[in-house]
Every structure is written in structure tokens, then in C-alpha cells.
Amino acid sequence: MYKEILKPFLDKSFIIITAPIIIPLIIIISILIALFDGFPIFFIQERPGKNLKIFKLIKFRTMLPENVSVHTESITKLGSVLRRTSLDEIPSFFNVLVGDMSLIGPRPLLKEYINSYDQNQIKRHNVAPGLTGLAQIMGRNKVSWKERFNYDLDYVNEINLALDIKIFVKTLFLLFNKDIINQDNNNTMKRFDEEQ
């Protein structure tokens, strides 16, 4: 009952309640990106969600438009700030509102990874992907892919309200801890298929 009914209800309720804060932030950050980094403002990419259903993930663009990849040098100065503070994730609240994502769950990964999962790893898609999750509060990009998948599967198997509250509260705490952001500051974690 919690996973299928209460959790989606709480997700949407949170987005609606925080809309007076979220909407002005989106407007302000959009203006800043347009002024300092130009267009496009948003980074939109297809990702697999619950039951591998493909959806379009929306984030603020933090990299140069001609090279939105994984290279640190392509991250803009404003993008660096947005990543360190996780403000680049704010547009993903729309994904939560329409039901593509949840506030808490395994992070949505690249479509290319689907064929690289083993029979256990793919079970991370038994639930909706989240803005934050158990793997993120246990080390974010500092944990290995094996550890990350183990945390994701632990979450899928143990999903409940108390666990979601714990992850949510610890996420808020970590947002203000500069030592727990990304490994090597803004670098993105090595690709899953490169670690095989």
C-alpha cells in the first residue's frame, strides 16, 4: 500500500506544498543561466524509469551545450555552483509531479546501461527512480558501482515510510556538507559499463 498509493501521494503533495519556493527558484536560475551561459537552459535526456519505462529527465544545464558529456572542463562556472548545491536537480521536481520519478528511490541512470545489468541489478527498476536515494546518502559518487547497486537493491527490498524519511532527512543534511558532494568536486562518476 505504501509503495503504490501513499508514496506517490506524498511525492506530489510535497511538490505542491513547496511550489511557492520551487517556482521562483526555477525562474531565477533560468534567468542566470540565460545571462551567463546562454541557451538551452535545460538539459533533457531520456532515462529508464519504473519497469524500464523511458521518460525524459529534466535538469538545469550545467555544461557547455556543444559538449554535455562527462568532462570537468566543459562544466560552466555557474554549472559548478548548481552541481555543488544540487540546484541543477530542481527541474526534476516536474518529473516527480507527473509520476516519472519519486523523491526517494534509485537514481535514474543512462539507457545504455540496461543491457549491462545482471538479473539482480535490473531489479532497481522495480520502483520509480528518485531525486535522492540510499546510495546517495551512503557516499554519493564516492561509492563503487557494486556498492551503489547493493544499496539500490536494499532500498527496493526494504522500501517503507521510515526509510524514506531517513533518506530525506540525511539528504538535507548532506546538502550542507561540502565534504560529501561529488568525488573530485564536480567530476561525474565513471560510467557503469567502463567499470565492468
N, C-alpha and C. Protein backbone atom coordinates (compact mmCIF):
# COMPACT_ATOMS: atom_id res chain seq x y z
N MET A 1 0.83 -1.21 0.00
CA MET A 1 0.00 0.00 0.00
C MET A 1 0.87 1.26 0.00
N TYR A 2 1.94 1.24 0.80
CA TYR A 2 2.79 2.44 0.86
C TYR A 2 3.43 2.73 -0.49
N LYS A 3 4.05 1.71 -1.10
CA LYS A 3 4.79 1.92 -2.34
C LYS A 3 3.89 2.36 -3.49
N GLU A 4 2.70 1.81 -3.58
CA GLU A 4 1.84 2.07 -4.73
C GLU A 4 0.88 3.24 -4.55
N ILE A 5 0.52 3.55 -3.31
CA ILE A 5 -0.51 4.58 -3.08
C ILE A 5 0.02 5.76 -2.26
N LEU A 6 0.48 5.49 -1.04
CA LEU A 6 0.88 6.58 -0.15
C LEU A 6 2.13 7.30 -0.63
N LYS A 7 3.11 6.57 -1.11
CA LYS A 7 4.36 7.19 -1.55
C LYS A 7 4.15 8.19 -2.70
N PRO A 8 3.44 7.80 -3.79
CA PRO A 8 3.17 8.77 -4.86
C PRO A 8 2.37 9.97 -4.36
N PHE A 9 1.43 9.74 -3.44
CA PHE A 9 0.64 10.83 -2.89
C PHE A 9 1.53 11.81 -2.12
N LEU A 10 2.43 11.29 -1.31
CA LEU A 10 3.33 12.14 -0.54
C LEU A 10 4.28 12.90 -1.47
N ASP A 11 4.75 12.25 -2.53
CA ASP A 11 5.62 12.91 -3.50
C ASP A 11 4.94 14.14 -4.10
N LYS A 12 3.74 13.94 -4.61
CA LYS A 12 3.02 15.03 -5.27
C LYS A 12 2.63 16.12 -4.26
N SER A 13 2.27 15.72 -3.06
CA SER A 13 1.90 16.69 -2.03
C SER A 13 3.09 17.58 -1.68
N PHE A 14 4.27 16.97 -1.59
CA PHE A 14 5.47 17.74 -1.27
C PHE A 14 5.77 18.77 -2.37
N ILE A 15 5.65 18.36 -3.62
CA ILE A 15 5.91 19.28 -4.73
C ILE A 15 4.92 20.44 -4.72
N ILE A 16 3.66 20.15 -4.49
CA ILE A 16 2.63 21.19 -4.47
C ILE A 16 2.86 22.16 -3.31
N ILE A 17 3.18 21.62 -2.14
CA ILE A 17 3.39 22.46 -0.95
C ILE A 17 4.61 23.36 -1.12
N THR A 18 5.66 22.83 -1.75
CA THR A 18 6.89 23.62 -1.89
C THR A 18 6.92 24.45 -3.18
N ALA A 19 5.85 24.40 -3.97
CA ALA A 19 5.80 25.15 -5.23
C ALA A 19 6.10 26.64 -5.07
N PRO A 20 5.63 27.31 -4.01
CA PRO A 20 5.93 28.74 -3.85
C PRO A 20 7.44 29.01 -3.71
N ILE A 21 8.20 28.01 -3.33
CA ILE A 21 9.66 28.16 -3.24
C ILE A 21 10.31 27.68 -4.54
N ILE A 22 9.84 26.57 -5.05
CA ILE A 22 10.44 25.96 -6.24
C ILE A 22 10.30 26.84 -7.48
N ILE A 23 9.10 27.35 -7.71
CA ILE A 23 8.85 28.13 -8.93
C ILE A 23 9.72 29.38 -9.03
N PRO A 24 9.81 30.21 -7.96
CA PRO A 24 10.72 31.37 -8.04
C PRO A 24 12.18 30.95 -8.27
N LEU A 25 12.61 29.84 -7.64
CA LEU A 25 13.98 29.37 -7.84
C LEU A 25 14.23 28.99 -9.29
N ILE A 26 13.26 28.30 -9.89
CA ILE A 26 13.39 27.91 -11.29
C ILE A 26 13.50 29.14 -12.18
N ILE A 27 12.69 30.14 -11.90
CA ILE A 27 12.71 31.37 -12.70
C ILE A 27 14.05 32.08 -12.56
N ILE A 28 14.53 32.24 -11.32
CA ILE A 28 15.79 32.95 -11.06
C ILE A 28 16.97 32.22 -11.71
N ILE A 29 17.04 30.91 -11.50
CA ILE A 29 18.16 30.15 -12.05
C ILE A 29 18.11 30.13 -13.57
N SER A 30 16.91 30.05 -14.13
CA SER A 30 16.77 30.08 -15.59
C SER A 30 17.31 31.39 -16.16
N ILE A 31 17.00 32.48 -15.50
CA ILE A 31 17.49 33.79 -15.95
C ILE A 31 19.01 33.85 -15.86
N LEU A 32 19.57 33.33 -14.77
CA LEU A 32 21.03 33.35 -14.59
C LEU A 32 21.73 32.51 -15.66
N ILE A 33 21.17 31.35 -15.96
CA ILE A 33 21.78 30.51 -17.00
C ILE A 33 21.71 31.20 -18.35
N ALA A 34 20.57 31.81 -18.65
CA ALA A 34 20.41 32.52 -19.92
C ALA A 34 21.41 33.67 -20.03
N LEU A 35 21.62 34.38 -18.93
CA LEU A 35 22.52 35.54 -18.95
C LEU A 35 23.99 35.13 -19.04
N PHE A 36 24.39 34.13 -18.25
CA PHE A 36 25.81 33.79 -18.15
C PHE A 36 26.25 32.65 -19.08
N ASP A 37 25.35 31.72 -19.36
CA ASP A 37 25.74 30.56 -20.17
C ASP A 37 24.97 30.43 -21.47
N GLY A 38 23.94 31.26 -21.65
CA GLY A 38 23.16 31.19 -22.87
C GLY A 38 22.16 30.05 -22.86
N PHE A 39 21.72 29.68 -24.04
CA PHE A 39 20.71 28.64 -24.19
C PHE A 39 21.35 27.37 -24.74
N PRO A 40 20.73 26.21 -24.52
CA PRO A 40 19.46 25.97 -23.81
C PRO A 40 19.64 26.06 -22.30
N ILE A 41 18.54 26.31 -21.62
CA ILE A 41 18.57 26.42 -20.16
C ILE A 41 18.51 25.05 -19.51
N PHE A 42 17.75 24.16 -20.12
CA PHE A 42 17.55 22.84 -19.51
C PHE A 42 18.33 21.75 -20.23
N PHE A 43 18.70 20.74 -19.47
CA PHE A 43 19.31 19.53 -20.01
C PHE A 43 18.24 18.45 -19.93
N ILE A 44 17.86 17.91 -21.07
CA ILE A 44 16.80 16.90 -21.13
C ILE A 44 17.37 15.63 -21.76
N GLN A 45 17.19 14.52 -21.05
CA GLN A 45 17.76 13.27 -21.53
C GLN A 45 16.83 12.11 -21.19
N GLU A 46 16.69 11.18 -22.11
CA GLU A 46 15.85 10.02 -21.86
C GLU A 46 16.53 9.08 -20.87
N ARG A 47 15.77 8.63 -19.87
CA ARG A 47 16.27 7.70 -18.87
C ARG A 47 15.22 6.61 -18.64
N PRO A 48 15.62 5.41 -18.26
CA PRO A 48 14.66 4.35 -17.92
C PRO A 48 14.14 4.53 -16.50
N GLY A 49 12.83 4.42 -16.35
CA GLY A 49 12.22 4.57 -15.03
C GLY A 49 11.69 3.25 -14.51
N LYS A 50 10.59 3.32 -13.79
CA LYS A 50 9.99 2.11 -13.23
C LYS A 50 9.58 1.16 -14.35
N ASN A 51 9.91 -0.12 -14.17
CA ASN A 51 9.64 -1.16 -15.16
C ASN A 51 10.27 -0.83 -16.52
N LEU A 52 11.38 -0.08 -16.46
CA LEU A 52 12.16 0.30 -17.65
C LEU A 52 11.41 1.22 -18.62
N LYS A 53 10.33 1.84 -18.15
CA LYS A 53 9.61 2.80 -18.99
C LYS A 53 10.49 4.04 -19.19
N ILE A 54 10.69 4.42 -20.44
CA ILE A 54 11.55 5.55 -20.75
C ILE A 54 10.81 6.88 -20.51
N PHE A 55 11.48 7.81 -19.84
CA PHE A 55 10.93 9.15 -19.63
C PHE A 55 12.02 10.17 -19.88
N LYS A 56 11.65 11.43 -19.97
CA LYS A 56 12.61 12.49 -20.23
C LYS A 56 12.97 13.21 -18.92
N LEU A 57 14.18 12.98 -18.45
CA LEU A 57 14.67 13.62 -17.24
C LEU A 57 15.00 15.07 -17.54
N ILE A 58 14.56 15.97 -16.66
CA ILE A 58 14.80 17.40 -16.86
C ILE A 58 15.68 17.95 -15.74
N LYS A 59 16.78 18.59 -16.11
CA LYS A 59 17.67 19.23 -15.15
C LYS A 59 18.10 20.57 -15.72
N PHE A 60 18.69 21.42 -14.90
CA PHE A 60 19.31 22.64 -15.43
C PHE A 60 20.59 22.26 -16.14
N ARG A 61 20.88 22.90 -17.26
CA ARG A 61 22.12 22.64 -17.99
C ARG A 61 23.30 23.20 -17.18
N THR A 62 24.30 22.38 -16.99
CA THR A 62 25.48 22.81 -16.23
C THR A 62 26.75 22.73 -17.06
N MET A 63 26.62 22.25 -18.29
CA MET A 63 27.80 22.08 -19.15
C MET A 63 27.64 22.86 -20.44
N LEU A 64 28.75 23.01 -21.15
CA LEU A 64 28.70 23.71 -22.42
C LEU A 64 27.79 22.95 -23.38
N PRO A 65 26.93 23.63 -24.11
CA PRO A 65 25.95 22.95 -24.96
C PRO A 65 26.56 22.07 -26.03
N GLU A 66 27.79 22.40 -26.49
CA GLU A 66 28.41 21.59 -27.54
C GLU A 66 29.11 20.35 -26.98
N ASN A 67 29.11 20.22 -25.63
CA ASN A 67 29.81 19.07 -25.05
C ASN A 67 29.18 18.69 -23.71
N VAL A 68 27.90 18.37 -23.73
CA VAL A 68 27.23 17.99 -22.49
C VAL A 68 27.57 16.53 -22.19
N SER A 69 28.80 16.29 -21.77
CA SER A 69 29.28 14.95 -21.50
C SER A 69 29.81 14.86 -20.08
N VAL A 70 30.94 14.20 -19.87
CA VAL A 70 31.42 13.97 -18.52
C VAL A 70 32.74 14.68 -18.22
N HIS A 71 33.15 15.59 -19.08
CA HIS A 71 34.45 16.22 -18.89
C HIS A 71 34.34 17.44 -17.99
N THR A 72 35.17 17.49 -16.95
CA THR A 72 35.11 18.57 -15.99
C THR A 72 35.28 19.93 -16.66
N GLU A 73 36.16 20.02 -17.67
CA GLU A 73 36.44 21.31 -18.29
C GLU A 73 35.23 21.89 -19.01
N SER A 74 34.23 21.06 -19.31
CA SER A 74 33.06 21.56 -20.02
C SER A 74 31.97 22.06 -19.08
N ILE A 75 32.20 21.93 -17.77
CA ILE A 75 31.24 22.44 -16.79
C ILE A 75 31.44 23.94 -16.64
N THR A 76 30.37 24.70 -16.75
CA THR A 76 30.47 26.15 -16.62
C THR A 76 30.64 26.55 -15.15
N LYS A 77 31.07 27.79 -14.92
CA LYS A 77 31.24 28.26 -13.55
C LYS A 77 29.91 28.23 -12.79
N LEU A 78 28.86 28.71 -13.45
CA LEU A 78 27.53 28.67 -12.83
C LEU A 78 27.10 27.22 -12.65
N GLY A 79 27.38 26.38 -13.64
CA GLY A 79 27.02 24.97 -13.55
C GLY A 79 27.71 24.29 -12.38
N SER A 80 28.94 24.70 -12.10
CA SER A 80 29.68 24.15 -10.97
C SER A 80 28.98 24.45 -9.66
N VAL A 81 28.48 25.66 -9.53
CA VAL A 81 27.74 26.06 -8.32
C VAL A 81 26.45 25.28 -8.21
N LEU A 82 25.75 25.15 -9.33
CA LEU A 82 24.48 24.42 -9.33
C LEU A 82 24.67 22.96 -8.94
N ARG A 83 25.76 22.37 -9.41
CA ARG A 83 26.02 20.96 -9.08
C ARG A 83 26.39 20.79 -7.61
N ARG A 84 27.26 21.68 -7.11
CA ARG A 84 27.69 21.56 -5.72
C ARG A 84 26.53 21.69 -4.76
N THR A 85 25.55 22.50 -5.12
CA THR A 85 24.39 22.73 -4.26
C THR A 85 23.20 21.86 -4.63
N SER A 86 23.35 21.06 -5.69
CA SER A 86 22.27 20.20 -6.22
C SER A 86 21.08 20.99 -6.75
N LEU A 87 21.27 22.29 -6.98
CA LEU A 87 20.18 23.10 -7.53
C LEU A 87 19.89 22.74 -8.98
N ASP A 88 20.82 22.07 -9.64
CA ASP A 88 20.58 21.65 -11.02
C ASP A 88 19.47 20.60 -11.11
N GLU A 89 19.14 19.99 -9.96
CA GLU A 89 18.12 18.94 -9.92
C GLU A 89 16.70 19.49 -9.80
N ILE A 90 16.55 20.77 -9.50
CA ILE A 90 15.22 21.32 -9.22
C ILE A 90 14.20 21.06 -10.33
N PRO A 91 14.55 21.22 -11.62
CA PRO A 91 13.55 20.93 -12.66
C PRO A 91 13.02 19.50 -12.63
N SER A 92 13.78 18.58 -12.03
CA SER A 92 13.34 17.19 -11.94
C SER A 92 12.13 17.05 -11.04
N PHE A 93 11.81 18.10 -10.27
CA PHE A 93 10.59 18.07 -9.47
C PHE A 93 9.37 17.89 -10.36
N PHE A 94 9.48 18.38 -11.61
CA PHE A 94 8.39 18.19 -12.57
C PHE A 94 8.22 16.70 -12.87
N ASN A 95 9.34 15.98 -12.99
CA ASN A 95 9.28 14.53 -13.22
C ASN A 95 8.58 13.82 -12.08
N VAL A 96 8.79 14.32 -10.85
CA VAL A 96 8.12 13.74 -9.69
C VAL A 96 6.63 14.05 -9.74
N LEU A 97 6.29 15.27 -10.10
CA LEU A 97 4.89 15.69 -10.14
C LEU A 97 4.08 14.87 -11.13
N VAL A 98 4.66 14.54 -12.28
CA VAL A 98 3.91 13.80 -13.30
C VAL A 98 4.03 12.28 -13.10
N GLY A 99 4.79 11.86 -12.10
CA GLY A 99 4.86 10.44 -11.77
C GLY A 99 5.99 9.65 -12.42
N ASP A 100 6.87 10.33 -13.16
CA ASP A 100 8.01 9.62 -13.77
C ASP A 100 9.04 9.22 -12.71
N MET A 101 9.10 10.03 -11.65
CA MET A 101 10.09 9.81 -10.60
C MET A 101 9.44 9.94 -9.23
N SER A 102 10.21 9.63 -8.21
CA SER A 102 9.80 9.81 -6.82
C SER A 102 10.84 10.69 -6.16
N LEU A 103 10.51 11.24 -5.01
CA LEU A 103 11.52 11.99 -4.26
C LEU A 103 12.65 11.07 -3.83
N ILE A 104 12.29 9.84 -3.41
CA ILE A 104 13.27 8.88 -2.91
C ILE A 104 13.23 7.62 -3.77
N GLY A 105 14.41 7.15 -4.19
CA GLY A 105 14.49 5.93 -4.98
C GLY A 105 15.85 5.83 -5.63
N PRO A 106 16.14 4.74 -6.32
CA PRO A 106 17.42 4.61 -7.04
C PRO A 106 17.52 5.71 -8.09
N ARG A 107 18.69 6.31 -8.22
CA ARG A 107 18.86 7.38 -9.20
C ARG A 107 18.65 6.85 -10.62
N PRO A 108 18.00 7.63 -11.51
CA PRO A 108 17.81 7.19 -12.89
C PRO A 108 19.12 7.23 -13.66
N LEU A 109 19.52 6.12 -14.23
CA LEU A 109 20.79 6.03 -14.93
C LEU A 109 20.58 6.08 -16.45
N LEU A 110 21.65 5.93 -17.21
CA LEU A 110 21.57 6.02 -18.66
C LEU A 110 20.87 4.82 -19.29
N LYS A 111 20.22 5.07 -20.43
CA LYS A 111 19.55 3.98 -21.15
C LYS A 111 20.54 2.91 -21.58
N GLU A 112 21.77 3.34 -21.91
CA GLU A 112 22.76 2.40 -22.42
C GLU A 112 23.13 1.32 -21.41
N TYR A 113 22.84 1.57 -20.13
CA TYR A 113 23.22 0.61 -19.10
C TYR A 113 22.29 -0.60 -19.03
N ILE A 114 21.11 -0.47 -19.60
CA ILE A 114 20.09 -1.51 -19.44
C ILE A 114 20.62 -2.90 -19.80
N ASN A 115 21.32 -3.01 -20.92
CA ASN A 115 21.81 -4.31 -21.37
C ASN A 115 23.02 -4.79 -20.60
N SER A 116 23.54 -3.95 -19.70
CA SER A 116 24.72 -4.32 -18.92
C SER A 116 24.36 -4.83 -17.52
N TYR A 117 23.09 -4.67 -17.12
CA TYR A 117 22.68 -5.13 -15.80
C TYR A 117 22.61 -6.66 -15.74
N ASP A 118 22.92 -7.20 -14.57
CA ASP A 118 22.67 -8.63 -14.39
C ASP A 118 21.24 -8.80 -13.88
N GLN A 119 20.82 -10.03 -13.62
CA GLN A 119 19.42 -10.29 -13.28
C GLN A 119 19.01 -9.68 -11.95
N ASN A 120 19.96 -9.37 -11.09
CA ASN A 120 19.64 -8.71 -9.82
C ASN A 120 19.67 -7.20 -9.95
N GLN A 121 20.69 -6.67 -10.64
CA GLN A 121 20.83 -5.23 -10.78
C GLN A 121 19.63 -4.57 -11.45
N ILE A 122 19.03 -5.28 -12.39
CA ILE A 122 17.91 -4.70 -13.13
C ILE A 122 16.67 -4.54 -12.25
N LYS A 123 16.68 -5.20 -11.08
CA LYS A 123 15.55 -5.09 -10.17
C LYS A 123 15.45 -3.69 -9.55
N ARG A 124 16.50 -2.87 -9.72
CA ARG A 124 16.42 -1.49 -9.25
C ARG A 124 15.30 -0.74 -9.96
N HIS A 125 14.85 -1.27 -11.09
CA HIS A 125 13.77 -0.64 -11.85
C HIS A 125 12.40 -1.16 -11.46
N ASN A 126 12.33 -1.90 -10.36
CA ASN A 126 11.02 -2.34 -9.86
C ASN A 126 10.28 -1.21 -9.15
N VAL A 127 11.00 -0.13 -8.88
CA VAL A 127 10.40 1.05 -8.25
C VAL A 127 10.74 2.28 -9.08
N ALA A 128 10.03 3.37 -8.83
CA ALA A 128 10.31 4.61 -9.55
C ALA A 128 11.67 5.16 -9.13
N PRO A 129 12.43 5.72 -10.07
CA PRO A 129 13.71 6.33 -9.72
C PRO A 129 13.48 7.57 -8.86
N GLY A 130 14.51 7.96 -8.11
CA GLY A 130 14.34 9.08 -7.19
C GLY A 130 15.32 10.22 -7.39
N LEU A 131 14.98 11.36 -6.82
CA LEU A 131 15.90 12.50 -6.81
C LEU A 131 17.09 12.21 -5.91
N THR A 132 16.85 11.45 -4.86
CA THR A 132 17.91 11.00 -3.97
C THR A 132 17.57 9.59 -3.53
N GLY A 133 18.56 8.89 -3.00
CA GLY A 133 18.30 7.52 -2.61
C GLY A 133 19.29 7.03 -1.56
N LEU A 134 19.19 5.77 -1.24
CA LEU A 134 20.04 5.19 -0.21
C LEU A 134 21.51 5.26 -0.60
N ALA A 135 21.82 5.01 -1.88
CA ALA A 135 23.22 5.07 -2.32
C ALA A 135 23.79 6.47 -2.18
N GLN A 136 22.93 7.49 -2.40
CA GLN A 136 23.41 8.88 -2.33
C GLN A 136 23.77 9.28 -0.90
N ILE A 137 22.99 8.84 0.08
CA ILE A 137 23.31 9.23 1.45
C ILE A 137 24.44 8.38 2.03
N MET A 138 24.80 7.31 1.31
CA MET A 138 25.88 6.44 1.78
C MET A 138 27.21 6.74 1.09
N GLY A 139 27.24 7.86 0.35
CA GLY A 139 28.52 8.22 -0.26
C GLY A 139 28.43 8.84 -1.63
N ARG A 140 27.23 8.94 -2.17
CA ARG A 140 27.00 9.55 -3.48
C ARG A 140 27.93 8.96 -4.53
N ASN A 141 28.71 9.75 -5.25
CA ASN A 141 29.58 9.22 -6.29
C ASN A 141 30.86 8.59 -5.76
N LYS A 142 31.05 8.60 -4.44
CA LYS A 142 32.27 8.05 -3.88
C LYS A 142 32.21 6.53 -3.72
N VAL A 143 31.01 5.96 -3.83
CA VAL A 143 30.88 4.51 -3.70
C VAL A 143 31.04 3.87 -5.07
N SER A 144 31.50 2.61 -5.09
CA SER A 144 31.66 1.89 -6.36
C SER A 144 30.30 1.53 -6.93
N TRP A 145 30.30 1.13 -8.19
CA TRP A 145 29.03 0.72 -8.80
C TRP A 145 28.46 -0.49 -8.09
N LYS A 146 29.30 -1.43 -7.69
CA LYS A 146 28.82 -2.62 -6.99
C LYS A 146 28.12 -2.22 -5.70
N GLU A 147 28.73 -1.31 -4.94
CA GLU A 147 28.13 -0.85 -3.69
C GLU A 147 26.84 -0.10 -3.97
N ARG A 148 26.86 0.73 -5.00
CA ARG A 148 25.67 1.51 -5.34
C ARG A 148 24.49 0.60 -5.65
N PHE A 149 24.73 -0.43 -6.46
CA PHE A 149 23.65 -1.35 -6.81
C PHE A 149 23.17 -2.13 -5.59
N ASN A 150 24.09 -2.47 -4.70
CA ASN A 150 23.69 -3.16 -3.47
C ASN A 150 22.76 -2.28 -2.63
N TYR A 151 23.09 -0.98 -2.54
CA TYR A 151 22.23 -0.05 -1.80
C TYR A 151 20.87 0.09 -2.50
N ASP A 152 20.89 0.17 -3.83
CA ASP A 152 19.64 0.29 -4.58
C ASP A 152 18.74 -0.91 -4.34
N LEU A 153 19.33 -2.10 -4.37
CA LEU A 153 18.54 -3.31 -4.16
C LEU A 153 18.05 -3.42 -2.73
N ASP A 154 18.88 -2.96 -1.78
CA ASP A 154 18.44 -2.93 -0.37
C ASP A 154 17.21 -2.04 -0.25
N TYR A 155 17.23 -0.91 -0.95
CA TYR A 155 16.09 0.01 -0.89
C TYR A 155 14.85 -0.63 -1.49
N VAL A 156 15.01 -1.25 -2.67
CA VAL A 156 13.87 -1.88 -3.34
C VAL A 156 13.24 -2.94 -2.44
N ASN A 157 14.06 -3.69 -1.73
CA ASN A 157 13.57 -4.78 -0.88
C ASN A 157 12.99 -4.29 0.44
N GLU A 158 13.44 -3.11 0.92
CA GLU A 158 13.02 -2.65 2.24
C GLU A 158 12.15 -1.40 2.22
N ILE A 159 11.76 -0.95 1.05
CA ILE A 159 11.06 0.33 0.91
C ILE A 159 9.91 0.47 1.91
N ASN A 160 9.95 1.57 2.67
CA ASN A 160 8.90 1.86 3.64
C ASN A 160 8.99 3.33 4.02
N LEU A 161 8.00 3.84 4.70
CA LEU A 161 7.93 5.26 5.05
C LEU A 161 9.10 5.69 5.93
N ALA A 162 9.44 4.87 6.94
CA ALA A 162 10.52 5.24 7.85
C ALA A 162 11.84 5.37 7.11
N LEU A 163 12.10 4.47 6.16
CA LEU A 163 13.34 4.53 5.40
C LEU A 163 13.37 5.76 4.51
N ASP A 164 12.24 6.09 3.89
CA ASP A 164 12.18 7.29 3.05
C ASP A 164 12.43 8.56 3.87
N ILE A 165 11.86 8.62 5.05
CA ILE A 165 12.06 9.79 5.91
C ILE A 165 13.54 9.90 6.30
N LYS A 166 14.16 8.78 6.63
CA LYS A 166 15.58 8.76 6.99
C LYS A 166 16.43 9.27 5.84
N ILE A 167 16.17 8.78 4.62
CA ILE A 167 16.94 9.21 3.45
C ILE A 167 16.72 10.69 3.16
N PHE A 168 15.47 11.14 3.28
CA PHE A 168 15.15 12.54 3.01
C PHE A 168 15.88 13.47 3.98
N VAL A 169 15.82 13.16 5.27
CA VAL A 169 16.45 14.00 6.29
C VAL A 169 17.97 14.02 6.12
N LYS A 170 18.56 12.84 5.88
CA LYS A 170 20.02 12.80 5.72
C LYS A 170 20.46 13.52 4.45
N THR A 171 19.63 13.47 3.39
CA THR A 171 19.94 14.19 2.16
C THR A 171 20.02 15.69 2.44
N LEU A 172 19.07 16.22 3.20
CA LEU A 172 19.07 17.63 3.54
C LEU A 172 20.35 17.99 4.31
N PHE A 173 20.76 17.10 5.22
CA PHE A 173 21.98 17.33 6.00
C PHE A 173 23.20 17.34 5.09
N LEU A 174 23.27 16.39 4.15
CA LEU A 174 24.43 16.28 3.28
C LEU A 174 24.55 17.44 2.30
N LEU A 175 23.42 18.05 1.96
CA LEU A 175 23.45 19.18 1.04
C LEU A 175 24.28 20.34 1.60
N PHE A 176 24.41 20.38 2.92
CA PHE A 176 25.16 21.46 3.56
C PHE A 176 26.54 20.99 4.01
N ASN A 177 26.92 19.76 3.62
CA ASN A 177 28.23 19.22 3.98
C ASN A 177 29.09 19.19 2.73
N LYS A 178 30.03 20.12 2.59
CA LYS A 178 30.84 20.25 1.39
C LYS A 178 31.74 19.04 1.14
N ASP A 179 31.98 18.24 2.17
CA ASP A 179 32.88 17.10 2.02
C ASP A 179 32.21 15.89 1.40
N ILE A 180 30.87 15.91 1.28
CA ILE A 180 30.16 14.73 0.78
C ILE A 180 29.57 14.96 -0.61
N ILE A 181 29.96 16.03 -1.27
CA ILE A 181 29.39 16.27 -2.60
C ILE A 181 29.99 15.28 -3.61
N ASN A 182 30.39 15.68 -4.78
CA ASN A 182 30.93 14.73 -5.75
C ASN A 182 32.39 14.44 -5.52
N GLN A 183 32.82 13.22 -5.89
CA GLN A 183 34.23 12.91 -5.82
C GLN A 183 34.95 13.85 -6.79
N ASP A 184 36.13 14.33 -6.38
CA ASP A 184 36.89 15.29 -7.19
C ASP A 184 36.03 16.49 -7.56
N ASN A 185 35.23 16.94 -6.61
CA ASN A 185 34.39 18.14 -6.75
C ASN A 185 33.27 17.94 -7.74
N ASN A 186 33.46 18.29 -9.04
CA ASN A 186 32.35 18.24 -9.99
C ASN A 186 32.42 17.07 -10.97
N ASN A 187 33.42 16.22 -10.86
CA ASN A 187 33.52 15.12 -11.80
C ASN A 187 32.36 14.15 -11.66
N THR A 188 31.89 13.67 -12.78
CA THR A 188 30.85 12.67 -12.77
C THR A 188 31.48 11.30 -12.56
N MET A 189 30.77 10.42 -11.90
CA MET A 189 31.29 9.07 -11.63
C MET A 189 31.57 8.34 -12.94
N LYS A 190 32.61 7.48 -12.93
CA LYS A 190 32.94 6.67 -14.08
C LYS A 190 31.71 5.90 -14.54
N ARG A 191 31.56 5.76 -15.86
CA ARG A 191 30.42 5.04 -16.42
C ARG A 191 30.39 3.60 -15.91
N PHE A 192 29.17 3.10 -15.72
CA PHE A 192 28.97 1.73 -15.24
C PHE A 192 29.61 0.72 -16.21
N ASP A 193 29.41 0.93 -17.52
CA ASP A 193 29.93 -0.02 -18.49
C ASP A 193 31.44 0.08 -18.68
N GLU A 194 32.08 1.11 -18.10
CA GLU A 194 33.52 1.23 -18.14
C GLU A 194 34.17 0.51 -16.96
N GLU A 195 33.35 0.19 -15.96
CA GLU A 195 33.87 -0.44 -14.74
C GLU A 195 33.71 -1.95 -14.78
N GLN A 196 33.07 -2.45 -15.85
CA GLN A 196 32.83 -3.89 -15.96
C GLN A 196 34.13 -4.64 -16.27
